[in-house]
PDB file of N, CA and C in Angstrom:
ATOM      1  N   MET A   1     -44.453 -18.101 -99.920  1.00  0.00           N
ATOM      2  CA  MET A   1     -43.080 -17.902-100.314  1.00  0.00           C
ATOM      3  C   MET A   1     -42.994 -17.609-101.809  1.00  0.00           C
ATOM      4  N   ARG A   2     -43.692 -16.625-102.242  1.00  0.00           N
ATOM      5  CA  ARG A   2     -43.717 -16.275-103.658  1.00  0.00           C
ATOM      6  C   ARG A   2     -42.362 -15.777-104.140  1.00  0.00           C
ATOM      7  N   TRP A   3     -41.525 -15.265-103.242  1.00  0.00           N
ATOM      8  CA  TRP A   3     -40.237 -14.701-103.628  1.00  0.00           C
ATOM      9  C   TRP A   3     -39.193 -15.776-103.856  1.00  0.00           C
ATOM     10  N   CYS A   4     -39.484 -17.029-103.521  1.00  0.00           N
ATOM     11  CA  CYS A   4     -38.523 -18.125-103.654  1.00  0.00           C
ATOM     12  C   CYS A   4     -38.628 -18.784-105.019  1.00  0.00           C
ATOM     13  N   ASP A   5     -37.481 -19.165-105.571  1.00  0.00           N
ATOM     14  CA  ASP A   5     -37.534 -20.021-106.742  1.00  0.00           C
ATOM     15  C   ASP A   5     -37.400 -21.473-106.273  1.00  0.00           C
ATOM     16  N   ASP A   6     -37.409 -22.418-107.198  1.00  0.00           N
ATOM     17  CA  ASP A   6     -37.391 -23.837-106.821  1.00  0.00           C
ATOM     18  C   ASP A   6     -36.136 -24.213-106.037  1.00  0.00           C
ATOM     19  N   ARG A   7     -34.986 -23.637-106.401  1.00  0.00           N
ATOM     20  CA  ARG A   7     -33.749 -23.960-105.695  1.00  0.00           C
ATOM     21  C   ARG A   7     -33.820 -23.464-104.252  1.00  0.00           C
ATOM     22  N   ASP A   8     -34.364 -22.280-104.034  1.00  0.00           N
ATOM     23  CA  ASP A   8     -34.541 -21.764-102.676  1.00  0.00           C
ATOM     24  C   ASP A   8     -35.442 -22.681-101.865  1.00  0.00           C
ATOM     25  N   ARG A   9     -36.523 -23.133-102.471  1.00  0.00           N
ATOM     26  CA  ARG A   9     -37.455 -24.027-101.769  1.00  0.00           C
ATOM     27  C   ARG A   9     -36.780 -25.339-101.399  1.00  0.00           C
ATOM     28  N   GLN A  10     -35.948 -25.864-102.288  1.00  0.00           N
ATOM     29  CA  GLN A  10     -35.218 -27.104-101.995  1.00  0.00           C
ATOM     30  C   GLN A  10     -34.258 -26.896-100.828  1.00  0.00           C
ATOM     31  N   GLN A  11     -33.561 -25.768-100.816  1.00  0.00           N
ATOM     32  CA  GLN A  11     -32.624 -25.475 -99.735  1.00  0.00           C
ATOM     33  C   GLN A  11     -33.362 -25.308 -98.412  1.00  0.00           C
ATOM     34  N   ILE A  12     -34.478 -24.607 -98.434  1.00  0.00           N
ATOM     35  CA  ILE A  12     -35.277 -24.408 -97.222  1.00  0.00           C
ATOM     36  C   ILE A  12     -35.778 -25.752 -96.707  1.00  0.00           C
ATOM     37  N   ALA A  13     -36.246 -26.618 -97.598  1.00  0.00           N
ATOM     38  CA  ALA A  13     -36.734 -27.937 -97.191  1.00  0.00           C
ATOM     39  C   ALA A  13     -35.604 -28.761 -96.586  1.00  0.00           C
ATOM     40  N   ALA A  14     -34.408 -28.698 -97.172  1.00  0.00           N
ATOM     41  CA  ALA A  14     -33.272 -29.446 -96.635  1.00  0.00           C
ATOM     42  C   ALA A  14     -32.900 -28.935 -95.241  1.00  0.00           C
ATOM     43  N   LEU A  15     -32.892 -27.619 -95.064  1.00  0.00           N
ATOM     44  CA  LEU A  15     -32.566 -27.056 -93.750  1.00  0.00           C
ATOM     45  C   LEU A  15     -33.613 -27.436 -92.709  1.00  0.00           C
ATOM     46  N   ARG A  16     -34.869 -27.452 -93.105  1.00  0.00           N
ATOM     47  CA  ARG A  16     -35.929 -27.856 -92.173  1.00  0.00           C
ATOM     48  C   ARG A  16     -35.757 -29.310 -91.751  1.00  0.00           C
ATOM     49  N   ARG A  17     -35.451 -30.190 -92.721  1.00  0.00           N
ATOM     50  CA  ARG A  17     -35.230 -31.604 -92.383  1.00  0.00           C
ATOM     51  C   ARG A  17     -34.047 -31.765 -91.427  1.00  0.00           C
ATOM     52  N   ARG A  18     -32.946 -31.052 -91.712  1.00  0.00           N
ATOM     53  CA  ARG A  18     -31.779 -31.137 -90.826  1.00  0.00           C
ATOM     54  C   ARG A  18     -32.115 -30.626 -89.436  1.00  0.00           C
ATOM     55  N   PHE A  19     -32.891 -29.548 -89.363  1.00  0.00           N
ATOM     56  CA  PHE A  19     -33.268 -29.002 -88.062  1.00  0.00           C
ATOM     57  C   PHE A  19     -34.162 -29.981 -87.310  1.00  0.00           C
ATOM     58  N   GLU A  20     -35.130 -30.587 -88.000  1.00  0.00           N
ATOM     59  CA  GLU A  20     -36.012 -31.553 -87.344  1.00  0.00           C
ATOM     60  C   GLU A  20     -35.226 -32.738 -86.790  1.00  0.00           C
ATOM     61  N   GLN A  21     -34.216 -33.172 -87.523  1.00  0.00           N
ATOM     62  CA  GLN A  21     -33.450 -34.344 -87.095  1.00  0.00           C
ATOM     63  C   GLN A  21     -32.407 -33.999 -86.041  1.00  0.00           C
ATOM     64  N   TYR A  22     -31.671 -32.896 -86.218  1.00  0.00           N
ATOM     65  CA  TYR A  22     -30.518 -32.590 -85.350  1.00  0.00           C
ATOM     66  C   TYR A  22     -30.697 -31.348 -84.496  1.00  0.00           C
ATOM     67  N   ARG A  23     -31.847 -30.660 -84.638  1.00  0.00           N
ATOM     68  CA  ARG A  23     -32.101 -29.398 -83.942  1.00  0.00           C
ATOM     69  C   ARG A  23     -31.047 -28.365 -84.355  1.00  0.00           C
ATOM     70  N   VAL A  24     -30.618 -27.491 -83.456  1.00  0.00           N
ATOM     71  CA  VAL A  24     -29.714 -26.387 -83.815  1.00  0.00           C
ATOM     72  C   VAL A  24     -28.371 -26.907 -84.342  1.00  0.00           C
ATOM     73  N   ALA A  25     -27.891 -28.021 -83.800  1.00  0.00           N
ATOM     74  CA  ALA A  25     -26.608 -28.574 -84.250  1.00  0.00           C
ATOM     75  C   ALA A  25     -26.642 -28.926 -85.741  1.00  0.00           C
ATOM     76  N   GLY A  26     -27.808 -29.204 -86.284  1.00  0.00           N
ATOM     77  CA  GLY A  26     -27.922 -29.538 -87.695  1.00  0.00           C
ATOM     78  C   GLY A  26     -27.799 -28.351 -88.623  1.00  0.00           C
ATOM     79  N   LEU A  27     -27.838 -27.155 -88.086  1.00  0.00           N
ATOM     80  CA  LEU A  27     -27.762 -25.956 -88.922  1.00  0.00           C
ATOM     81  C   LEU A  27     -26.333 -25.482 -89.143  1.00  0.00           C
ATOM     82  N   THR A  28     -25.363 -26.090 -88.469  1.00  0.00           N
ATOM     83  CA  THR A  28     -23.968 -25.710 -88.693  1.00  0.00           C
ATOM     84  C   THR A  28     -23.518 -26.237 -90.046  1.00  0.00           C
ATOM     85  N   ASP A  29     -22.401 -25.736 -90.520  1.00  0.00           N
ATOM     86  CA  ASP A  29     -21.894 -26.127 -91.822  1.00  0.00           C
ATOM     87  C   ASP A  29     -21.447 -27.584 -91.789  1.00  0.00           C
ATOM     88  N   ALA A  30     -21.979 -28.382 -92.664  1.00  0.00           N
ATOM     89  CA  ALA A  30     -21.639 -29.807 -92.730  1.00  0.00           C
ATOM     90  C   ALA A  30     -20.325 -29.996 -93.489  1.00  0.00           C
ATOM     91  N   PRO A  31     -19.612 -31.079 -93.206  1.00  0.00           N
ATOM     92  CA  PRO A  31     -18.390 -31.364 -93.978  1.00  0.00           C
ATOM     93  C   PRO A  31     -18.726 -31.482 -95.462  1.00  0.00           C
ATOM     94  N   ARG A  32     -17.813 -31.036 -96.279  1.00  0.00           N
ATOM     95  CA  ARG A  32     -18.041 -31.042 -97.721  1.00  0.00           C
ATOM     96  C   ARG A  32     -17.064 -31.983 -98.408  1.00  0.00           C
ATOM     97  N   SER A  33     -17.439 -32.423 -99.575  1.00  0.00           N
ATOM     98  CA  SER A  33     -16.529 -33.255-100.356  1.00  0.00           C
ATOM     99  C   SER A  33     -15.455 -32.370-100.978  1.00  0.00           C
ATOM    100  N   GLY A  34     -14.414 -32.992-101.455  1.00  0.00           N
ATOM    101  CA  GLY A  34     -13.356 -32.233-102.111  1.00  0.00           C
ATOM    102  C   GLY A  34     -12.157 -32.008-101.217  1.00  0.00           C
ATOM    103  N   HIS A  35     -11.313 -31.091-101.640  1.00  0.00           N
ATOM    104  CA  HIS A  35     -10.073 -30.794-100.933  1.00  0.00           C
ATOM    105  C   HIS A  35     -10.389 -30.251 -99.538  1.00  0.00           C
ATOM    106  N   PRO A  36      -9.697 -30.764 -98.500  1.00  0.00           N
ATOM    107  CA  PRO A  36      -9.948 -30.236 -97.153  1.00  0.00           C
ATOM    108  C   PRO A  36      -9.475 -28.797 -97.016  1.00  0.00           C
ATOM    109  N   ARG A  37     -10.028 -28.094 -96.046  1.00  0.00           N
ATOM    110  CA  ARG A  37      -9.632 -26.703 -95.808  1.00  0.00           C
ATOM    111  C   ARG A  37      -8.144 -26.614 -95.505  1.00  0.00           C
ATOM    112  N   SER A  38      -7.528 -25.550 -95.969  1.00  0.00           N
ATOM    113  CA  SER A  38      -6.096 -25.374 -95.729  1.00  0.00           C
ATOM    114  C   SER A  38      -5.830 -24.518 -94.496  1.00  0.00           C
ATOM    115  N   ILE A  39      -6.857 -23.888 -93.935  1.00  0.00           N
ATOM    116  CA  ILE A  39      -6.695 -23.118 -92.702  1.00  0.00           C
ATOM    117  C   ILE A  39      -7.739 -23.575 -91.690  1.00  0.00           C
ATOM    118  N   ASN A  40      -7.418 -23.429 -90.421  1.00  0.00           N
ATOM    119  CA  ASN A  40      -8.341 -23.883 -89.382  1.00  0.00           C
ATOM    120  C   ASN A  40      -9.177 -22.715 -88.852  1.00  0.00           C
ATOM    121  N   ASP A  41     -10.108 -23.033 -87.975  1.00  0.00           N
ATOM    122  CA  ASP A  41     -11.006 -22.004 -87.430  1.00  0.00           C
ATOM    123  C   ASP A  41     -10.257 -20.928 -86.659  1.00  0.00           C
ATOM    124  N   ASP A  42      -9.171 -21.297 -85.973  1.00  0.00           N
ATOM    125  CA  ASP A  42      -8.399 -20.304 -85.218  1.00  0.00           C
ATOM    126  C   ASP A  42      -7.787 -19.255 -86.147  1.00  0.00           C
ATOM    127  N   LYS A  43      -7.285 -19.684 -87.302  1.00  0.00           N
ATOM    128  CA  LYS A  43      -6.697 -18.745 -88.262  1.00  0.00           C
ATOM    129  C   LYS A  43      -7.779 -17.840 -88.859  1.00  0.00           C
ATOM    130  N   VAL A  44      -8.947 -18.397 -89.144  1.00  0.00           N
ATOM    131  CA  VAL A  44     -10.057 -17.590 -89.661  1.00  0.00           C
ATOM    132  C   VAL A  44     -10.425 -16.514 -88.645  1.00  0.00           C
ATOM    133  N   THR A  45     -10.538 -16.903 -87.371  1.00  0.00           N
ATOM    134  CA  THR A  45     -10.862 -15.950 -86.311  1.00  0.00           C
ATOM    135  C   THR A  45      -9.789 -14.870 -86.209  1.00  0.00           C
ATOM    136  N   GLU A  46      -8.525 -15.266 -86.315  1.00  0.00           N
ATOM    137  CA  GLU A  46      -7.421 -14.302 -86.237  1.00  0.00           C
ATOM    138  C   GLU A  46      -7.506 -13.269 -87.358  1.00  0.00           C
ATOM    139  N   VAL A  47      -7.779 -13.719 -88.572  1.00  0.00           N
ATOM    140  CA  VAL A  47      -7.877 -12.800 -89.711  1.00  0.00           C
ATOM    141  C   VAL A  47      -9.056 -11.854 -89.540  1.00  0.00           C
ATOM    142  N   ILE A  48     -10.191 -12.382 -89.098  1.00  0.00           N
ATOM    143  CA  ILE A  48     -11.375 -11.540 -88.898  1.00  0.00           C
ATOM    144  C   ILE A  48     -11.107 -10.491 -87.824  1.00  0.00           C
ATOM    145  N   ASN A  49     -10.525 -10.912 -86.716  1.00  0.00           N
ATOM    146  CA  ASN A  49     -10.244  -9.969 -85.625  1.00  0.00           C
ATOM    147  C   ASN A  49      -9.209  -8.923 -86.007  1.00  0.00           C
ATOM    148  N   LYS A  50      -8.338  -9.250 -86.939  1.00  0.00           N
ATOM    149  CA  LYS A  50      -7.316  -8.294 -87.372  1.00  0.00           C
ATOM    150  C   LYS A  50      -7.872  -7.301 -88.394  1.00  0.00           C
ATOM    151  N   THR A  51      -8.735  -7.769 -89.277  1.00  0.00           N
ATOM    152  CA  THR A  51      -9.155  -6.920 -90.394  1.00  0.00           C
ATOM    153  C   THR A  51     -10.425  -6.123 -90.147  1.00  0.00           C
ATOM    154  N   LEU A  52     -11.341  -6.614 -89.349  1.00  0.00           N
ATOM    155  CA  LEU A  52     -12.591  -5.872 -89.158  1.00  0.00           C
ATOM    156  C   LEU A  52     -12.410  -4.536 -88.441  1.00  0.00           C
ATOM    157  N   PRO A  53     -11.652  -4.473 -87.341  1.00  0.00           N
ATOM    158  CA  PRO A  53     -11.560  -3.186 -86.634  1.00  0.00           C
ATOM    159  C   PRO A  53     -10.533  -2.215 -87.223  1.00  0.00           C
ATOM    160  N   THR A  54      -9.777  -2.645 -88.230  1.00  0.00           N
ATOM    161  CA  THR A  54      -8.727  -1.780 -88.778  1.00  0.00           C
ATOM    162  C   THR A  54      -8.931  -1.578 -90.273  1.00  0.00           C
ATOM    163  N   LYS A  55      -8.202  -0.604 -90.795  1.00  0.00           N
ATOM    164  CA  LYS A  55      -8.192  -0.349 -92.227  1.00  0.00           C
ATOM    165  C   LYS A  55      -6.727  -0.277 -92.646  1.00  0.00           C
ATOM    166  N   PRO A  56      -6.357  -0.849 -93.766  1.00  0.00           N
ATOM    167  CA  PRO A  56      -4.956  -0.816 -94.180  1.00  0.00           C
ATOM    168  C   PRO A  56      -4.513   0.599 -94.540  1.00  0.00           C
ATOM    169  N   ALA A  57      -3.228   0.850 -94.395  1.00  0.00           N
ATOM    170  CA  ALA A  57      -2.676   2.159 -94.756  1.00  0.00           C
ATOM    171  C   ALA A  57      -2.831   2.378 -96.258  1.00  0.00           C
ATOM    172  N   ASN A  58      -3.228   3.559 -96.638  1.00  0.00           N
ATOM    173  CA  ASN A  58      -3.357   3.958 -98.044  1.00  0.00           C
ATOM    174  C   ASN A  58      -4.320   3.080 -98.849  1.00  0.00           C
ATOM    175  N   ALA A  59      -5.354   2.573 -98.199  1.00  0.00           N
ATOM    176  CA  ALA A  59      -6.362   1.774 -98.905  1.00  0.00           C
ATOM    177  C   ALA A  59      -7.705   1.939 -98.208  1.00  0.00           C
ATOM    178  N   THR A  60      -8.778   1.670 -98.942  1.00  0.00           N
ATOM    179  CA  THR A  60     -10.112   1.820 -98.363  1.00  0.00           C
ATOM    180  C   THR A  60     -10.622   0.539 -97.714  1.00  0.00           C
ATOM    181  N   HIS A  61     -10.034  -0.596 -98.103  1.00  0.00           N
ATOM    182  CA  HIS A  61     -10.472  -1.882 -97.556  1.00  0.00           C
ATOM    183  C   HIS A  61      -9.342  -2.895 -97.699  1.00  0.00           C
ATOM    184  N   TRP A  62      -9.493  -4.003 -96.999  1.00  0.00           N
ATOM    185  CA  TRP A  62      -8.507  -5.083 -97.071  1.00  0.00           C
ATOM    186  C   TRP A  62      -8.724  -5.908 -98.336  1.00  0.00           C
ATOM    187  N   SER A  63      -7.637  -6.253 -98.987  1.00  0.00           N
ATOM    188  CA  SER A  63      -7.677  -7.206-100.094  1.00  0.00           C
ATOM    189  C   SER A  63      -6.889  -8.435 -99.646  1.00  0.00           C
ATOM    190  N   THR A  64      -6.990  -9.506-100.396  1.00  0.00           N
ATOM    191  CA  THR A  64      -6.210 -10.698-100.030  1.00  0.00           C
ATOM    192  C   THR A  64      -4.710 -10.406-100.113  1.00  0.00           C
ATOM    193  N   THR A  65      -4.308  -9.584-101.061  1.00  0.00           N
ATOM    194  CA  THR A  65      -2.888  -9.234-101.190  1.00  0.00           C
ATOM    195  C   THR A  65      -2.422  -8.434 -99.985  1.00  0.00           C
ATOM    196  N   LEU A  66      -3.208  -7.444 -99.559  1.00  0.00           N
ATOM    197  CA  LEU A  66      -2.830  -6.657 -98.392  1.00  0.00           C
ATOM    198  C   LEU A  66      -2.802  -7.501 -97.125  1.00  0.00           C
ATOM    199  N   MET A  67      -3.760  -8.419 -96.985  1.00  0.00           N
ATOM    200  CA  MET A  67      -3.775  -9.282 -95.800  1.00  0.00           C
ATOM    201  C   MET A  67      -2.545 -10.184 -95.789  1.00  0.00           C
ATOM    202  N   ALA A  68      -2.144 -10.675 -96.974  1.00  0.00           N
ATOM    203  CA  ALA A  68      -0.990 -11.577 -97.056  1.00  0.00           C
ATOM    204  C   ALA A  68       0.310 -10.866 -96.730  1.00  0.00           C
ATOM    205  N   THR A  69       0.379  -9.570 -97.040  1.00  0.00           N
ATOM    206  CA  THR A  69       1.631  -8.839 -96.824  1.00  0.00           C
ATOM    207  C   THR A  69       1.649  -8.056 -95.516  1.00  0.00           C
ATOM    208  N   ALA A  70       0.543  -8.042 -94.799  1.00  0.00           N
ATOM    209  CA  ALA A  70       0.469  -7.298 -93.535  1.00  0.00           C
ATOM    210  C   ALA A  70       1.351  -7.964 -92.481  1.00  0.00           C
ATOM    211  N   PRO A  71       2.046  -7.162 -91.693  1.00  0.00           N
ATOM    212  CA  PRO A  71       2.859  -7.760 -90.621  1.00  0.00           C
ATOM    213  C   PRO A  71       1.962  -8.365 -89.549  1.00  0.00           C
ATOM    214  N   ASP A  72       2.473  -9.397 -88.899  1.00  0.00           N
ATOM    215  CA  ASP A  72       1.705 -10.056 -87.839  1.00  0.00           C
ATOM    216  C   ASP A  72       1.614  -9.180 -86.674  1.00  0.00           C
TER     217      ASP A  72
END
């Protein structure tokens, strides 16, 4: 792993330990400290399904402003 720096090696080691202990379930995103998420998984899925197959009018890509002002 010559392409890895020390931080990469630490992350890889942590993921290996989690996998050994919890198998595939250990590779999902763990709860984090700090402010809880303000949107749920259903809303994330809705935004992804709306923005990936479409392109906004008069723009090359979606921005957060365009997504916020787009009609439902």
